PDB file of N, CA and C in Angstrom:
ATOM      1  N   MET A   1      -0.215  -9.206  13.938  1.00  0.00           N
ATOM      2  CA  MET A   1      -0.787  -8.169  13.790  1.00  0.00           C
ATOM      3  C   MET A   1      -2.299  -8.151  13.434  1.00  0.00           C
ATOM      4  N   ASN A   2      -3.171  -7.489  14.264  1.00  0.00           N
ATOM      5  CA  ASN A   2      -4.557  -7.634  14.210  1.00  0.00           C
ATOM      6  C   ASN A   2      -5.077  -6.207  13.413  1.00  0.00           C
ATOM      7  N   VAL A   3      -6.136  -6.192  12.650  1.00  0.00           N
ATOM      8  CA  VAL A   3      -6.499  -5.151  11.999  1.00  0.00           C
ATOM      9  C   VAL A   3      -8.106  -5.127  12.122  1.00  0.00           C
ATOM     10  N   VAL A   4      -8.655  -4.116  12.857  1.00  0.00           N
ATOM     11  CA  VAL A   4     -10.034  -3.938  13.161  1.00  0.00           C
ATOM     12  C   VAL A   4     -10.607  -2.680  12.660  1.00  0.00           C
ATOM     13  N   ASP A   5     -11.678  -2.899  11.756  1.00  0.00           N
ATOM     14  CA  ASP A   5     -12.303  -1.654  10.957  1.00  0.00           C
ATOM     15  C   ASP A   5     -13.277  -1.166  12.030  1.00  0.00           C
ATOM     16  N   ASN A   6     -13.455   0.104  12.048  1.00  0.00           N
ATOM     17  CA  ASN A   6     -14.341   0.779  12.959  1.00  0.00           C
ATOM     18  C   ASN A   6     -14.910   2.023  12.328  1.00  0.00           C
ATOM     19  N   THR A   7     -15.885   2.551  12.821  1.00  0.00           N
ATOM     20  CA  THR A   7     -16.488   3.872  12.113  1.00  0.00           C
ATOM     21  C   THR A   7     -16.511   4.873  13.303  1.00  0.00           C
ATOM     22  N   LEU A   8     -15.998   6.144  12.967  1.00  0.00           N
ATOM     23  CA  LEU A   8     -15.967   7.202  13.997  1.00  0.00           C
ATOM     24  C   LEU A   8     -17.207   7.996  13.886  1.00  0.00           C
ATOM     25  N   LYS A   9     -17.485   8.988  14.986  1.00  0.00           N
ATOM     26  CA  LYS A   9     -18.738   9.546  14.882  1.00  0.00           C
ATOM     27  C   LYS A   9     -18.569  10.439  13.527  1.00  0.00           C
ATOM     28  N   GLY A  10     -19.741  10.732  12.855  1.00  0.00           N
ATOM     29  CA  GLY A  10     -19.745  11.547  11.798  1.00  0.00           C
ATOM     30  C   GLY A  10     -19.607  10.703  10.630  1.00  0.00           C
ATOM     31  N   GLY A  11     -19.503   9.445  10.702  1.00  0.00           N
ATOM     32  CA  GLY A  11     -19.516   8.370   9.589  1.00  0.00           C
ATOM     33  C   GLY A  11     -17.963   8.157   9.015  1.00  0.00           C
ATOM     34  N   PHE A  12     -17.012   8.850   9.528  1.00  0.00           N
ATOM     35  CA  PHE A  12     -15.687   8.548   9.133  1.00  0.00           C
ATOM     36  C   PHE A  12     -15.151   7.370   9.493  1.00  0.00           C
ATOM     37  N   SER A  13     -14.469   6.495   8.554  1.00  0.00           N
ATOM     38  CA  SER A  13     -14.059   5.239   9.060  1.00  0.00           C
ATOM     39  C   SER A  13     -12.561   5.319   9.340  1.00  0.00           C
ATOM     40  N   CYS A  14     -12.109   4.319  10.168  1.00  0.00           N
ATOM     41  CA  CYS A  14     -10.786   4.223  10.625  1.00  0.00           C
ATOM     42  C   CYS A  14     -10.311   3.001  10.688  1.00  0.00           C
ATOM     43  N   LEU A  15      -9.036   2.546  10.844  1.00  0.00           N
ATOM     44  CA  LEU A  15      -8.613   1.256  11.046  1.00  0.00           C
ATOM     45  C   LEU A  15      -7.827   1.396  12.353  1.00  0.00           C
ATOM     46  N   TYR A  16      -8.186   0.120  13.159  1.00  0.00           N
ATOM     47  CA  TYR A  16      -7.200   0.290  14.435  1.00  0.00           C
ATOM     48  C   TYR A  16      -6.212  -1.132  14.198  1.00  0.00           C
ATOM     49  N   VAL A  17      -4.918  -0.765  14.198  1.00  0.00           N
ATOM     50  CA  VAL A  17      -3.862  -1.783  13.822  1.00  0.00           C
ATOM     51  C   VAL A  17      -3.210  -1.990  15.326  1.00  0.00           C
ATOM     52  N   SER A  18      -3.249  -3.275  15.450  1.00  0.00           N
ATOM     53  CA  SER A  18      -2.554  -3.394  16.915  1.00  0.00           C
ATOM     54  C   SER A  18      -1.146  -4.314  16.504  1.00  0.00           C
ATOM     55  N   HIS A  19      -0.216  -3.747  17.120  1.00  0.00           N
ATOM     56  CA  HIS A  19       1.189  -4.360  16.785  1.00  0.00           C
ATOM     57  C   HIS A  19       1.694  -4.622  18.181  1.00  0.00           C
ATOM     58  N   GLY A  20       1.907  -5.928  18.652  1.00  0.00           N
ATOM     59  CA  GLY A  20       2.213  -6.161  20.002  1.00  0.00           C
ATOM     60  C   GLY A  20       1.298  -5.510  20.986  1.00  0.00           C
ATOM     61  N   PHE A  21       1.752  -4.633  21.998  1.00  0.00           N
ATOM     62  CA  PHE A  21       0.835  -4.229  22.970  1.00  0.00           C
ATOM     63  C   PHE A  21       0.362  -2.652  22.565  1.00  0.00           C
ATOM     64  N   ARG A  22       0.830  -2.126  21.205  1.00  0.00           N
ATOM     65  CA  ARG A  22       0.460  -1.054  20.810  1.00  0.00           C
ATOM     66  C   ARG A  22      -0.856  -0.861  19.892  1.00  0.00           C
ATOM     67  N   LEU A  23      -1.634   0.110  20.111  1.00  0.00           N
ATOM     68  CA  LEU A  23      -2.961   0.063  19.246  1.00  0.00           C
ATOM     69  C   LEU A  23      -2.896   1.460  18.441  1.00  0.00           C
ATOM     70  N   ILE A  24      -2.865   1.363  17.120  1.00  0.00           N
ATOM     71  CA  ILE A  24      -2.451   2.599  16.503  1.00  0.00           C
ATOM     72  C   ILE A  24      -3.861   2.917  15.593  1.00  0.00           C
ATOM     73  N   ARG A  25      -4.465   4.062  15.660  1.00  0.00           N
ATOM     74  CA  ARG A  25      -5.564   4.454  14.929  1.00  0.00           C
ATOM     75  C   ARG A  25      -5.178   5.037  13.610  1.00  0.00           C
ATOM     76  N   LEU A  26      -5.669   4.610  12.617  1.00  0.00           N
ATOM     77  CA  LEU A  26      -5.366   5.273  11.350  1.00  0.00           C
ATOM     78  C   LEU A  26      -6.682   5.703  10.518  1.00  0.00           C
ATOM     79  N   SER A  27      -6.952   6.991  10.376  1.00  0.00           N
ATOM     80  CA  SER A  27      -7.878   7.387   9.674  1.00  0.00           C
ATOM     81  C   SER A  27      -8.023   6.954   8.127  1.00  0.00           C
ATOM     82  N   MET A  28      -9.083   6.925   7.501  1.00  0.00           N
ATOM     83  CA  MET A  28      -9.082   6.584   5.966  1.00  0.00           C
ATOM     84  C   MET A  28      -8.249   7.573   5.214  1.00  0.00           C
ATOM     85  N   PRO A  29      -8.395   8.931   5.259  1.00  0.00           N
ATOM     86  CA  PRO A  29      -7.608   9.899   4.560  1.00  0.00           C
ATOM     87  C   PRO A  29      -6.025   9.570   4.769  1.00  0.00           C
ATOM     88  N   ALA A  30      -5.766   9.270   5.943  1.00  0.00           N
ATOM     89  CA  ALA A  30      -4.353   8.985   6.210  1.00  0.00           C
ATOM     90  C   ALA A  30      -3.856   7.604   5.541  1.00  0.00           C
ATOM     91  N   ILE A  31      -4.672   6.688   5.498  1.00  0.00           N
ATOM     92  CA  ILE A  31      -4.390   5.467   4.849  1.00  0.00           C
ATOM     93  C   ILE A  31      -4.213   5.754   3.135  1.00  0.00           C
ATOM     94  N   MET A  32      -5.295   6.562   2.679  1.00  0.00           N
ATOM     95  CA  MET A  32      -5.311   6.706   1.354  1.00  0.00           C
ATOM     96  C   MET A  32      -3.892   7.540   0.898  1.00  0.00           C
ATOM     97  N   MET A  33      -3.625   8.462   1.805  1.00  0.00           N
ATOM     98  CA  MET A  33      -2.149   9.265   1.524  1.00  0.00           C
ATOM     99  C   MET A  33      -0.987   8.319   1.482  1.00  0.00           C
ATOM    100  N   ILE A  34      -1.014   7.384   2.490  1.00  0.00           N
ATOM    101  CA  ILE A  34       0.253   6.510   2.691  1.00  0.00           C
ATOM    102  C   ILE A  34       0.193   5.717   1.487  1.00  0.00           C
ATOM    103  N   LEU A  35      -1.151   5.092   0.843  1.00  0.00           N
ATOM    104  CA  LEU A  35      -1.120   4.226  -0.139  1.00  0.00           C
ATOM    105  C   LEU A  35      -0.684   5.106  -1.522  1.00  0.00           C
ATOM    106  N   ALA A  36      -1.071   6.236  -1.587  1.00  0.00           N
ATOM    107  CA  ALA A  36      -0.665   7.147  -2.751  1.00  0.00           C
ATOM    108  C   ALA A  36       0.670   7.310  -2.775  1.00  0.00           C
ATOM    109  N   LEU A  37       1.496   7.615  -1.539  1.00  0.00           N
ATOM    110  CA  LEU A  37       2.818   7.821  -1.426  1.00  0.00           C
ATOM    111  C   LEU A  37       3.522   6.604  -1.981  1.00  0.00           C
ATOM    112  N   CYS A  38       3.090   5.509  -1.502  1.00  0.00           N
ATOM    113  CA  CYS A  38       3.598   4.211  -1.676  1.00  0.00           C
ATOM    114  C   CYS A  38       3.693   3.866  -3.293  1.00  0.00           C
ATOM    115  N   ALA A  39       2.521   4.136  -3.871  1.00  0.00           N
ATOM    116  CA  ALA A  39       2.265   3.957  -5.181  1.00  0.00           C
ATOM    117  C   ALA A  39       3.135   4.730  -6.206  1.00  0.00           C
ATOM    118  N   SER A  40       3.271   6.095  -5.666  1.00  0.00           N
ATOM    119  CA  SER A  40       4.066   7.140  -6.374  1.00  0.00           C
ATOM    120  C   SER A  40       5.586   6.691  -6.337  1.00  0.00           C
ATOM    121  N   LEU A  41       6.002   6.127  -5.163  1.00  0.00           N
ATOM    122  CA  LEU A  41       7.387   5.676  -5.082  1.00  0.00           C
ATOM    123  C   LEU A  41       7.659   4.466  -5.892  1.00  0.00           C
ATOM    124  N   CYS A  42       6.620   3.608  -5.985  1.00  0.00           N
ATOM    125  CA  CYS A  42       6.930   2.352  -6.611  1.00  0.00           C
ATOM    126  C   CYS A  42       6.876   2.717  -8.175  1.00  0.00           C
ATOM    127  N   TYR A  43       6.315   3.668  -8.794  1.00  0.00           N
ATOM    128  CA  TYR A  43       6.324   3.940 -10.050  1.00  0.00           C
ATOM    129  C   TYR A  43       7.268   5.101 -10.507  1.00  0.00           C
ATOM    130  N   SER A  44       7.914   5.774  -9.719  1.00  0.00           N
ATOM    131  CA  SER A  44       8.749   6.707  -9.940  1.00  0.00           C
ATOM    132  C   SER A  44       9.970   6.365 -10.784  1.00  0.00           C
ATOM    133  N   GLY A  45       9.946   6.588 -12.055  1.00  0.00           N
ATOM    134  CA  GLY A  45      11.144   6.177 -12.751  1.00  0.00           C
ATOM    135  C   GLY A  45      11.256   4.825 -13.158  1.00  0.00           C
ATOM    136  N   GLN A  46      10.154   4.058 -12.869  1.00  0.00           N
ATOM    137  CA  GLN A  46      10.379   2.627 -13.333  1.00  0.00           C
ATOM    138  C   GLN A  46       9.205   2.295 -14.263  1.00  0.00           C
ATOM    139  N   THR A  47       9.539   1.280 -15.160  1.00  0.00           N
ATOM    140  CA  THR A  47       8.483   0.927 -16.152  1.00  0.00           C
ATOM    141  C   THR A  47       8.513  -0.549 -16.051  1.00  0.00           C
ATOM    142  N   ARG A  48       7.399  -1.095 -16.551  1.00  0.00           N
ATOM    143  CA  ARG A  48       7.168  -2.582 -16.638  1.00  0.00           C
ATOM    144  C   ARG A  48       7.728  -2.996 -17.859  1.00  0.00           C
ATOM    145  N   ALA A  49       8.372  -4.352 -17.728  1.00  0.00           N
ATOM    146  CA  ALA A  49       8.791  -4.856 -19.004  1.00  0.00           C
ATOM    147  C   ALA A  49       7.613  -4.619 -20.147  1.00  0.00           C
ATOM    148  N   SER A  50       8.026  -4.369 -21.194  1.00  0.00           N
ATOM    149  CA  SER A  50       7.240  -4.148 -22.421  1.00  0.00           C
ATOM    150  C   SER A  50       7.974  -4.520 -23.552  1.00  0.00           C
ATOM    151  N   THR A  51       7.131  -4.979 -24.484  1.00  0.00           N
ATOM    152  CA  THR A  51       7.625  -5.283 -25.935  1.00  0.00           C
ATOM    153  C   THR A  51       8.117  -3.954 -26.784  1.00  0.00           C
ATOM    154  N   ASP A  52       7.493  -2.759 -26.396  1.00  0.00           N
ATOM    155  CA  ASP A  52       7.846  -1.567 -27.048  1.00  0.00           C
ATOM    156  C   ASP A  52       8.801  -0.987 -26.272  1.00  0.00           C
ATOM    157  N   ASN A  53      10.172  -0.896 -26.656  1.00  0.00           N
ATOM    158  CA  ASN A  53      11.412  -0.562 -26.130  1.00  0.00           C
ATOM    159  C   ASN A  53      11.395   0.942 -26.069  1.00  0.00           C
ATOM    160  N   THR A  54      10.521   1.758 -26.746  1.00  0.00           N
ATOM    161  CA  THR A  54      10.517   3.181 -26.497  1.00  0.00           C
ATOM    162  C   THR A  54       9.996   3.529 -25.177  1.00  0.00           C
ATOM    163  N   LEU A  55       9.021   2.687 -24.636  1.00  0.00           N
ATOM    164  CA  LEU A  55       8.241   3.051 -23.437  1.00  0.00           C
ATOM    165  C   LEU A  55       9.531   3.171 -22.167  1.00  0.00           C
ATOM    166  N   ALA A  56      10.450   2.187 -22.378  1.00  0.00           N
ATOM    167  CA  ALA A  56      11.529   2.188 -21.074  1.00  0.00           C
ATOM    168  C   ALA A  56      12.458   3.340 -21.560  1.00  0.00           C
ATOM    169  N   ILE A  57      12.698   3.683 -22.595  1.00  0.00           N
ATOM    170  CA  ILE A  57      13.750   4.579 -23.035  1.00  0.00           C
ATOM    171  C   ILE A  57      13.126   6.029 -22.590  1.00  0.00           C
ATOM    172  N   THR A  58      11.858   6.440 -22.861  1.00  0.00           N
ATOM    173  CA  THR A  58      11.349   7.621 -22.577  1.00  0.00           C
ATOM    174  C   THR A  58      10.641   7.788 -21.322  1.00  0.00           C
ATOM    175  N   GLY A  59      10.744   6.881 -20.473  1.00  0.00           N
ATOM    176  CA  GLY A  59      10.252   7.010 -19.178  1.00  0.00           C
ATOM    177  C   GLY A  59       8.749   6.724 -18.975  1.00  0.00           C
ATOM    178  N   GLY A  60       8.193   6.128 -19.985  1.00  0.00           N
ATOM    179  CA  GLY A  60       6.711   5.751 -20.090  1.00  0.00           C
ATOM    180  C   GLY A  60       6.177   4.885 -19.067  1.00  0.00           C
ATOM    181  N   LEU A  61       5.010   4.453 -19.111  1.00  0.00           N
ATOM    182  CA  LEU A  61       4.323   3.622 -18.083  1.00  0.00           C
ATOM    183  C   LEU A  61       3.476   2.648 -18.980  1.00  0.00           C
ATOM    184  N   SER A  62       3.652   1.299 -18.377  1.00  0.00           N
ATOM    185  CA  SER A  62       2.709   0.332 -18.811  1.00  0.00           C
ATOM    186  C   SER A  62       2.218  -0.490 -17.740  1.00  0.00           C
ATOM    187  N   VAL A  63       0.876  -0.465 -17.713  1.00  0.00           N
ATOM    188  CA  VAL A  63       0.004  -1.307 -16.672  1.00  0.00           C
ATOM    189  C   VAL A  63      -0.873  -2.165 -17.286  1.00  0.00           C
ATOM    190  N   THR A  64      -1.415  -3.199 -16.533  1.00  0.00           N
ATOM    191  CA  THR A  64      -2.434  -3.922 -16.845  1.00  0.00           C
ATOM    192  C   THR A  64      -3.591  -3.748 -15.989  1.00  0.00           C
ATOM    193  N   ASP A  65      -4.795  -3.358 -16.377  1.00  0.00           N
ATOM    194  CA  ASP A  65      -6.020  -2.894 -15.477  1.00  0.00           C
ATOM    195  C   ASP A  65      -6.532  -4.299 -15.086  1.00  0.00           C
ATOM    196  N   ASP A  66      -7.740  -4.213 -14.400  1.00  0.00           N
ATOM    197  CA  ASP A  66      -8.557  -5.459 -13.924  1.00  0.00           C
ATOM    198  C   ASP A  66      -9.195  -6.182 -14.865  1.00  0.00           C
ATOM    199  N   LEU A  67      -9.138  -5.759 -16.128  1.00  0.00           N
ATOM    200  CA  LEU A  67      -9.879  -6.557 -17.209  1.00  0.00           C
ATOM    201  C   LEU A  67      -8.822  -7.276 -18.062  1.00  0.00           C
ATOM    202  N   ASP A  68      -7.469  -7.103 -17.602  1.00  0.00           N
ATOM    203  CA  ASP A  68      -6.343  -7.745 -18.371  1.00  0.00           C
ATOM    204  C   ASP A  68      -5.952  -6.897 -19.616  1.00  0.00           C
ATOM    205  N   ARG A  69      -6.343  -5.585 -19.601  1.00  0.00           N
ATOM    206  CA  ARG A  69      -6.111  -4.771 -20.872  1.00  0.00           C
ATOM    207  C   ARG A  69      -4.770  -4.104 -20.642  1.00  0.00           C
ATOM    208  N   ASN A  70      -3.783  -4.017 -21.474  1.00  0.00           N
ATOM    209  CA  ASN A  70      -2.515  -3.114 -21.372  1.00  0.00           C
ATOM    210  C   ASN A  70      -2.892  -1.744 -21.823  1.00  0.00           C
ATOM    211  N   ILE A  71      -2.309  -0.889 -20.802  1.00  0.00           N
ATOM    212  CA  ILE A  71      -2.492   0.535 -21.053  1.00  0.00           C
ATOM    213  C   ILE A  71      -1.040   1.113 -21.105  1.00  0.00           C
ATOM    214  N   ASN A  72      -0.714   1.614 -22.125  1.00  0.00           N
ATOM    215  CA  ASN A  72       0.766   2.122 -22.394  1.00  0.00           C
ATOM    216  C   ASN A  72       0.672   3.657 -22.478  1.00  0.00           C
ATOM    217  N   LEU A  73       1.488   4.406 -21.679  1.00  0.00           N
ATOM    218  CA  LEU A  73       1.560   5.858 -21.731  1.00  0.00           C
ATOM    219  C   LEU A  73       3.002   6.041 -21.993  1.00  0.00           C
ATOM    220  N   ARG A  74       3.301   7.076 -22.889  1.00  0.00           N
ATOM    221  CA  ARG A  74       4.662   7.123 -23.312  1.00  0.00           C
ATOM    222  C   ARG A  74       5.375   8.158 -22.310  1.00  0.00           C
ATOM    223  N   ARG A  75       4.381   8.827 -21.601  1.00  0.00           N
ATOM    224  CA  ARG A  75       4.864   9.573 -20.455  1.00  0.00           C
ATOM    225  C   ARG A  75       3.884   9.811 -19.384  1.00  0.00           C
ATOM    226  N   PRO A  76       4.222   9.885 -18.147  1.00  0.00           N
ATOM    227  CA  PRO A  76       3.243  10.007 -17.110  1.00  0.00           C
ATOM    228  C   PRO A  76       2.017  11.121 -17.313  1.00  0.00           C
ATOM    229  N   ALA A  77       0.816  10.850 -16.946  1.00  0.00           N
ATOM    230  CA  ALA A  77      -0.326  11.650 -17.324  1.00  0.00           C
ATOM    231  C   ALA A  77       0.067  13.079 -16.610  1.00  0.00           C
ATOM    232  N   ARG A  78      -0.325  14.077 -17.245  1.00  0.00           N
ATOM    233  CA  ARG A  78      -0.163  15.528 -16.977  1.00  0.00           C
ATOM    234  C   ARG A  78      -1.363  16.022 -16.467  1.00  0.00           C
ATOM    235  N   ARG A  79      -2.604  15.646 -16.760  1.00  0.00           N
ATOM    236  CA  ARG A  79      -3.959  16.026 -16.513  1.00  0.00           C
ATOM    237  C   ARG A  79      -4.682  15.016 -15.732  1.00  0.00           C
ATOM    238  N   ILE A  80      -5.464  15.561 -14.805  1.00  0.00           N
ATOM    239  CA  ILE A  80      -6.214  14.611 -13.881  1.00  0.00           C
ATOM    240  C   ILE A  80      -7.581  15.024 -13.863  1.00  0.00           C
ATOM    241  N   ILE A  81      -8.603  13.934 -13.878  1.00  0.00           N
ATOM    242  CA  ILE A  81      -9.996  14.298 -13.656  1.00  0.00           C
ATOM    243  C   ILE A  81     -10.183  13.550 -12.455  1.00  0.00           C
ATOM    244  N   SER A  82     -10.675  14.268 -11.368  1.00  0.00           N
ATOM    245  CA  SER A  82     -10.999  13.647 -10.090  1.00  0.00           C
ATOM    246  C   SER A  82     -12.591  13.316  -9.961  1.00  0.00           C
ATOM    247  N   LEU A  83     -12.845  11.885  -9.917  1.00  0.00           N
ATOM    248  CA  LEU A  83     -14.154  11.583 -10.077  1.00  0.00           C
ATOM    249  C   LEU A  83     -15.011  11.426  -8.647  1.00  0.00           C
ATOM    250  N   ALA A  84     -14.350  11.952  -7.604  1.00  0.00           N
ATOM    251  CA  ALA A  84     -14.907  11.862  -6.285  1.00  0.00           C
ATOM    252  C   ALA A  84     -14.467  13.140  -5.446  1.00  0.00           C
ATOM    253  N   PRO A  85     -15.382  13.834  -4.723  1.00  0.00           N
ATOM    254  CA  PRO A  85     -14.833  15.048  -3.915  1.00  0.00           C
ATOM    255  C   PRO A  85     -13.661  14.774  -2.882  1.00  0.00           C
ATOM    256  N   HIS A  86     -13.579  13.518  -2.249  1.00  0.00           N
ATOM    257  CA  HIS A  86     -12.476  13.334  -1.469  1.00  0.00           C
ATOM    258  C   HIS A  86     -11.253  13.247  -2.268  1.00  0.00           C
ATOM    259  N   ILE A  87     -11.235  12.750  -3.229  1.00  0.00           N
ATOM    260  CA  ILE A  87      -9.976  12.599  -4.022  1.00  0.00           C
ATOM    261  C   ILE A  87      -9.417  13.880  -4.526  1.00  0.00           C
ATOM    262  N   THR A  88     -10.360  14.838  -4.947  1.00  0.00           N
ATOM    263  CA  THR A  88     -10.205  16.150  -5.200  1.00  0.00           C
ATOM    264  C   THR A  88      -9.319  16.866  -3.992  1.00  0.00           C
ATOM    265  N   GLU A  89      -9.908  16.617  -2.805  1.00  0.00           N
ATOM    266  CA  GLU A  89      -9.288  17.067  -1.721  1.00  0.00           C
ATOM    267  C   GLU A  89      -7.868  16.510  -1.471  1.00  0.00           C
ATOM    268  N   MET A  90      -7.867  15.208  -1.798  1.00  0.00           N
ATOM    269  CA  MET A  90      -6.290  14.618  -1.569  1.00  0.00           C
ATOM    270  C   MET A  90      -5.305  14.993  -2.513  1.00  0.00           C
ATOM    271  N   LEU A  91      -5.956  15.286  -3.755  1.00  0.00           N
ATOM    272  CA  LEU A  91      -5.052  15.879  -4.838  1.00  0.00           C
ATOM    273  C   LEU A  91      -4.242  17.175  -4.561  1.00  0.00           C
ATOM    274  N   PHE A  92      -5.281  18.015  -4.070  1.00  0.00           N
ATOM    275  CA  PHE A  92      -4.746  19.328  -3.637  1.00  0.00           C
ATOM    276  C   PHE A  92      -3.954  19.117  -2.513  1.00  0.00           C
ATOM    277  N   ALA A  93      -4.116  18.401  -1.492  1.00  0.00           N
ATOM    278  CA  ALA A  93      -3.345  18.300  -0.384  1.00  0.00           C
ATOM    279  C   ALA A  93      -1.854  17.708  -0.716  1.00  0.00           C
ATOM    280  N   ALA A  94      -1.877  16.871  -1.811  1.00  0.00           N
ATOM    281  CA  ALA A  94      -0.575  16.242  -2.183  1.00  0.00           C
ATOM    282  C   ALA A  94       0.189  17.166  -3.189  1.00  0.00           C
ATOM    283  N   GLY A  95      -0.368  18.295  -3.425  1.00  0.00           N
ATOM    284  CA  GLY A  95       0.298  19.379  -4.257  1.00  0.00           C
ATOM    285  C   GLY A  95       0.071  19.038  -5.712  1.00  0.00           C
ATOM    286  N   ALA A  96      -0.998  18.346  -6.134  1.00  0.00           N
ATOM    287  CA  ALA A  96      -1.274  17.992  -7.662  1.00  0.00           C
ATOM    288  C   ALA A  96      -2.474  18.796  -7.941  1.00  0.00           C
ATOM    289  N   GLY A  97      -2.937  19.755  -7.224  1.00  0.00           N
ATOM    290  CA  GLY A  97      -4.092  20.595  -7.702  1.00  0.00           C
ATOM    291  C   GLY A  97      -3.945  21.304  -9.079  1.00  0.00           C
ATOM    292  N   ASP A  98      -2.707  21.828  -9.432  1.00  0.00           N
ATOM    293  CA  ASP A  98      -2.640  22.394 -10.638  1.00  0.00           C
ATOM    294  C   ASP A  98      -2.840  21.582 -11.709  1.00  0.00           C
ATOM    295  N   ARG A  99      -2.759  20.072 -11.572  1.00  0.00           N
ATOM    296  CA  ARG A  99      -2.998  19.226 -12.608  1.00  0.00           C
ATOM    297  C   ARG A  99      -4.449  18.821 -12.841  1.00  0.00           C
ATOM    298  N   VAL A 100      -5.177  18.973 -11.873  1.00  0.00           N
ATOM    299  CA  VAL A 100      -6.679  18.819 -11.957  1.00  0.00           C
ATOM    300  C   VAL A 100      -7.306  19.699 -12.954  1.00  0.00           C
ATOM    301  N   ILE A 101      -8.113  19.014 -13.964  1.00  0.00           N
ATOM    302  CA  ILE A 101      -8.654  19.682 -15.186  1.00  0.00           C
ATOM    303  C   ILE A 101     -10.061  19.542 -15.065  1.00  0.00           C
ATOM    304  N   GLY A 102     -10.697  18.585 -14.153  1.00  0.00           N
ATOM    305  CA  GLY A 102     -12.092  18.275 -14.086  1.00  0.00           C
ATOM    306  C   GLY A 102     -12.369  17.625 -12.764  1.00  0.00           C
ATOM    307  N   VAL A 103     -13.514  17.998 -12.339  1.00  0.00           N
ATOM    308  CA  VAL A 103     -13.998  17.457 -10.933  1.00  0.00           C
ATOM    309  C   VAL A 103     -15.638  17.255 -10.990  1.00  0.00           C
ATOM    310  N   VAL A 104     -16.048  16.575  -9.896  1.00  0.00           N
ATOM    311  CA  VAL A 104     -17.620  16.175 -10.047  1.00  0.00           C
ATOM    312  C   VAL A 104     -18.340  17.082  -9.040  1.00  0.00           C
ATOM    313  N   ASN A 105     -19.653  16.847  -9.045  1.00  0.00           N
ATOM    314  CA  ASN A 105     -20.491  17.578  -8.040  1.00  0.00           C
ATOM    315  C   ASN A 105     -20.030  17.527  -6.531  1.00  0.00           C
ATOM    316  N   TYR A 106     -19.993  18.408  -5.849  1.00  0.00           N
ATOM    317  CA  TYR A 106     -19.723  18.410  -4.350  1.00  0.00           C
ATOM    318  C   TYR A 106     -18.161  18.525  -4.148  1.00  0.00           C
ATOM    319  N   SER A 107     -17.437  18.781  -5.284  1.00  0.00           N
ATOM    320  CA  SER A 107     -16.044  18.955  -5.020  1.00  0.00           C
ATOM    321  C   SER A 107     -15.744  20.451  -4.784  1.00  0.00           C
ATOM    322  N   ASN A 108     -16.034  20.866  -3.746  1.00  0.00           N
ATOM    323  CA  ASN A 108     -16.151  22.352  -3.178  1.00  0.00           C
ATOM    324  C   ASN A 108     -14.932  22.667  -2.153  1.00  0.00           C
ATOM    325  N   TYR A 109     -13.998  21.827  -2.002  1.00  0.00           N
ATOM    326  CA  TYR A 109     -12.857  22.086  -1.102  1.00  0.00           C
ATOM    327  C   TYR A 109     -11.553  21.508  -1.661  1.00  0.00           C
ATOM    328  N   PRO A 110     -10.517  22.342  -1.637  1.00  0.00           N
ATOM    329  CA  PRO A 110     -10.534  23.614  -1.268  1.00  0.00           C
ATOM    330  C   PRO A 110     -11.181  24.609  -2.122  1.00  0.00           C
ATOM    331  N   GLU A 111     -11.075  25.759  -1.795  1.00  0.00           N
ATOM    332  CA  GLU A 111     -11.893  26.883  -2.743  1.00  0.00           C
ATOM    333  C   GLU A 111     -11.341  26.785  -4.147  1.00  0.00           C
ATOM    334  N   ALA A 112     -10.261  26.428  -4.458  1.00  0.00           N
ATOM    335  CA  ALA A 112      -9.785  26.478  -5.979  1.00  0.00           C
ATOM    336  C   ALA A 112     -10.366  25.297  -6.655  1.00  0.00           C
ATOM    337  N   ALA A 113     -11.052  24.328  -5.897  1.00  0.00           N
ATOM    338  CA  ALA A 113     -11.646  23.232  -6.802  1.00  0.00           C
ATOM    339  C   ALA A 113     -12.960  23.761  -7.415  1.00  0.00           C
ATOM    340  N   MET A 114     -13.367  24.789  -6.763  1.00  0.00           N
ATOM    341  CA  MET A 114     -14.900  25.270  -7.400  1.00  0.00           C
ATOM    342  C   MET A 114     -14.676  26.053  -8.619  1.00  0.00           C
ATOM    343  N   LYS A 115     -13.276  26.184  -8.944  1.00  0.00           N
ATOM    344  CA  LYS A 115     -12.990  27.107 -10.232  1.00  0.00           C
ATOM    345  C   LYS A 115     -12.723  26.142 -11.342  1.00  0.00           C
ATOM    346  N   ILE A 116     -12.547  24.710 -11.050  1.00  0.00           N
ATOM    347  CA  ILE A 116     -12.392  23.726 -11.981  1.00  0.00           C
ATOM    348  C   ILE A 116     -13.586  23.244 -12.798  1.00  0.00           C
ATOM    349  N   THR A 117     -13.465  23.037 -13.916  1.00  0.00           N
ATOM    350  CA  THR A 117     -14.589  22.574 -14.929  1.00  0.00           C
ATOM    351  C   THR A 117     -15.358  21.406 -14.094  1.00  0.00           C
ATOM    352  N   ASN A 118     -16.696  21.615 -13.879  1.00  0.00           N
ATOM    353  CA  ASN A 118     -17.479  20.578 -13.180  1.00  0.00           C
ATOM    354  C   ASN A 118     -18.040  19.583 -14.224  1.00  0.00           C
ATOM    355  N   LEU A 119     -17.731  18.209 -14.072  1.00  0.00           N
ATOM    356  CA  LEU A 119     -18.256  17.406 -15.101  1.00  0.00           C
ATOM    357  C   LEU A 119     -19.755  16.608 -14.730  1.00  0.00           C
ATOM    358  N   GLY A 120     -20.144  17.073 -13.663  1.00  0.00           N
ATOM    359  CA  GLY A 120     -21.501  16.499 -13.113  1.00  0.00           C
ATOM    360  C   GLY A 120     -21.363  15.630 -12.015  1.00  0.00           C
TER     361      GLY A 120
END
């Protein structure tokens, strides 16, 4: 399988994935949605092994970030702050727009995003 990065007109990036004799073009928003879906399926109802047994019982979430810090949530996050306009669009497209409580400049699509608190 070969993967080739390419840029479309207008500055939009895409990936061409060749599998055998087929060439499939995937746009970056499509790739991000696929990754988000995979991540949500991986974490739905699962918790990582933790020394705190209450996390496993209550359906919490324990992850390690890039700086090797453990982050423990007793329950999944209910509020989202979007730090990029394209993420705001994807959150609304995925049906999580009602959980977004903060956005940054230029988060103007969909129209409902303009009514959310702008954090700069």
